[in-house]
C-alpha atoms as a PDB file:
ATOM      1  CA  UNK A   1       2.365 -16.701 135.925  1.00  0.00           C
ATOM      2  CA  UNK A   2       0.703 -17.371 132.437  1.00  0.00           C
ATOM      3  CA  UNK A   3      -3.108 -17.878 132.545  1.00  0.00           C
ATOM      4  CA  UNK A   4      -3.719 -21.311 131.109  1.00  0.00           C
ATOM      5  CA  UNK A   5      -6.800 -22.085 128.943  1.00  0.00           C
ATOM      6  CA  UNK A   6      -8.276 -25.300 130.028  1.00  0.00           C
ATOM      7  CA  UNK A   7     -10.034 -26.317 126.784  1.00  0.00           C
ATOM      8  CA  UNK A   8      -6.925 -25.450 124.582  1.00  0.00           C
ATOM      9  CA  UNK A   9      -4.770 -27.689 126.911  1.00  0.00           C
ATOM     10  CA  UNK A  10      -7.075 -30.652 126.850  1.00  0.00           C
ATOM     11  CA  UNK A  11      -7.481 -30.235 123.054  1.00  0.00           C
ATOM     12  CA  UNK A  12      -3.711 -30.297 122.415  1.00  0.00           C
ATOM     13  CA  UNK A  13      -3.163 -33.226 124.841  1.00  0.00           C
ATOM     14  CA  UNK A  14      -6.040 -35.232 123.290  1.00  0.00           C
ATOM     15  CA  UNK A  15      -4.511 -34.498 119.843  1.00  0.00           C
ATOM     16  CA  UNK A  16      -1.058 -35.860 121.134  1.00  0.00           C
ATOM     17  CA  UNK A  17      -2.783 -38.943 122.451  1.00  0.00           C
ATOM     18  CA  UNK A  18      -4.741 -39.401 119.234  1.00  0.00           C
ATOM     19  CA  UNK A  19      -1.377 -39.568 117.208  1.00  0.00           C
ATOM     20  CA  UNK A  20       0.076 -41.858 119.824  1.00  0.00           C
ATOM     21  CA  UNK A  21      -2.847 -44.129 119.445  1.00  0.00           C
ATOM     22  CA  UNK A  22      -2.551 -44.152 115.658  1.00  0.00           C
ATOM     23  CA  UNK A  23       1.081 -45.143 116.070  1.00  0.00           C
ATOM     24  CA  UNK A  24       0.090 -48.105 118.321  1.00  0.00           C
ATOM     25  CA  UNK A  25      -2.007 -49.664 115.522  1.00  0.00           C
ATOM     26  CA  UNK A  26       1.167 -51.571 114.334  1.00  0.00           C
ATOM     27  CA  UNK A  27       1.631 -53.232 117.785  1.00  0.00           C
ATOM     28  CA  UNK A  28      -0.316 -56.559 117.546  1.00  0.00           C
ATOM     29  CA  UNK A  29      -0.375 -57.419 121.255  1.00  0.00           C
ATOM     30  CA  UNK A  30      -2.641 -54.436 122.219  1.00  0.00           C
ATOM     31  CA  UNK A  31      -5.795 -55.849 120.439  1.00  0.00           C
ATOM     32  CA  UNK A  32      -8.392 -53.190 120.144  1.00  0.00           C
ATOM     33  CA  UNK A  33      -7.268 -50.945 122.807  1.00  0.00           C
ATOM     34  CA  UNK A  34      -5.752 -48.443 120.183  1.00  0.00           C
ATOM     35  CA  UNK A  35      -9.100 -48.237 118.566  1.00  0.00           C
ATOM     36  CA  UNK A  36     -10.735 -46.930 121.775  1.00  0.00           C
ATOM     37  CA  UNK A  37      -7.907 -44.714 122.429  1.00  0.00           C
ATOM     38  CA  UNK A  38      -8.073 -42.964 118.976  1.00  0.00           C
ATOM     39  CA  UNK A  39     -11.945 -42.692 119.099  1.00  0.00           C
ATOM     40  CA  UNK A  40     -12.053 -41.179 122.666  1.00  0.00           C
ATOM     41  CA  UNK A  41      -9.124 -38.880 122.057  1.00  0.00           C
ATOM     42  CA  UNK A  42     -10.394 -37.726 118.638  1.00  0.00           C
ATOM     43  CA  UNK A  43     -13.758 -36.700 119.987  1.00  0.00           C
ATOM     44  CA  UNK A  44     -12.360 -35.208 123.131  1.00  0.00           C
ATOM     45  CA  UNK A  45     -10.068 -33.005 121.000  1.00  0.00           C
ATOM     46  CA  UNK A  46     -12.885 -32.213 118.677  1.00  0.00           C
ATOM     47  CA  UNK A  47     -15.150 -31.005 121.422  1.00  0.00           C
ATOM     48  CA  UNK A  48     -12.704 -29.093 123.483  1.00  0.00           C
ATOM     49  CA  UNK A  49     -11.185 -27.509 120.394  1.00  0.00           C
ATOM     50  CA  UNK A  50     -14.644 -26.392 119.292  1.00  0.00           C
ATOM     51  CA  UNK A  51     -15.234 -24.869 122.886  1.00  0.00           C
ATOM     52  CA  UNK A  52     -12.019 -23.062 122.700  1.00  0.00           C
ATOM     53  CA  UNK A  53     -12.528 -21.712 119.247  1.00  0.00           C
ATOM     54  CA  UNK A  54     -16.145 -20.628 120.118  1.00  0.00           C
ATOM     55  CA  UNK A  55     -15.105 -18.541 123.031  1.00  0.00           C
ATOM     56  CA  UNK A  56     -15.573 -20.879 126.001  1.00  0.00           C
ATOM     57  CA  UNK A  57     -11.954 -21.010 126.979  1.00  0.00           C
ATOM     58  CA  UNK A  58     -12.376 -21.897 130.735  1.00  0.00           C
ATOM     59  CA  UNK A  59     -15.806 -23.609 130.842  1.00  0.00           C
ATOM     60  CA  UNK A  60     -16.524 -27.271 130.667  1.00  0.00           C
ATOM     61  CA  UNK A  61     -18.845 -29.059 128.233  1.00  0.00           C
ATOM     62  CA  UNK A  62     -21.775 -29.156 130.647  1.00  0.00           C
ATOM     63  CA  UNK A  63     -21.596 -25.336 131.064  1.00  0.00           C
ATOM     64  CA  UNK A  64     -21.620 -24.779 127.424  1.00  0.00           C
ATOM     65  CA  UNK A  65     -24.597 -27.114 126.859  1.00  0.00           C
ATOM     66  CA  UNK A  66     -26.521 -25.115 129.664  1.00  0.00           C
ATOM     67  CA  UNK A  67     -25.730 -21.853 127.961  1.00  0.00           C
ATOM     68  CA  UNK A  68     -27.057 -23.150 124.660  1.00  0.00           C
ATOM     69  CA  UNK A  69     -30.067 -24.518 126.287  1.00  0.00           C
ATOM     70  CA  UNK A  70     -30.769 -21.200 127.948  1.00  0.00           C
ATOM     71  CA  UNK A  71     -30.359 -19.340 124.616  1.00  0.00           C
ATOM     72  CA  UNK A  72     -32.698 -21.827 122.869  1.00  0.00           C
ATOM     73  CA  UNK A  73     -35.245 -21.363 125.784  1.00  0.00           C
ATOM     74  CA  UNK A  74     -35.105 -17.520 125.377  1.00  0.00           C
ATOM     75  CA  UNK A  75     -35.441 -17.749 121.634  1.00  0.00           C
ATOM     76  CA  UNK A  76     -38.607 -20.086 121.996  1.00  0.00           C
ATOM     77  CA  UNK A  77     -40.018 -17.807 124.653  1.00  0.00           C
ATOM     78  CA  UNK A  78     -39.763 -14.664 122.603  1.00  0.00           C
ATOM     79  CA  UNK A  79     -41.018 -16.476 119.591  1.00  0.00           C
ATOM     80  CA  UNK A  80     -44.215 -17.652 121.331  1.00  0.00           C
ATOM     81  CA  UNK A  81     -44.612 -14.371 123.063  1.00  0.00           C
ATOM     82  CA  UNK A  82     -44.606 -12.696 119.638  1.00  0.00           C
ATOM     83  CA  UNK A  83     -47.157 -14.883 118.062  1.00  0.00           C
ATOM     84  CA  UNK A  84     -49.347 -14.706 121.126  1.00  0.00           C
ATOM     85  CA  UNK A  85     -49.460 -10.872 120.874  1.00  0.00           C
ATOM     86  CA  UNK A  86     -50.492 -10.870 117.148  1.00  0.00           C
ATOM     87  CA  UNK A  87     -53.648 -12.768 117.769  1.00  0.00           C
END
């Protein structure tokens, strides 16, 4: 069976829902519901597309955030360690 890539699938489904939301703007009985659909699906597609393209094919948003925070903490620690050694 083919291995599915979660972020790619979510990005594609969100893009499809985004275009469906754009198509529902002409239906007057829905009110502002299409606006919410378009905004949420756009940002979901954007975030998961970015995760897929950056190499986080199977991780979720929180895991990617934690990885970024760990990298930032390591960089700050090594920066302070280097400055403390020069004094």
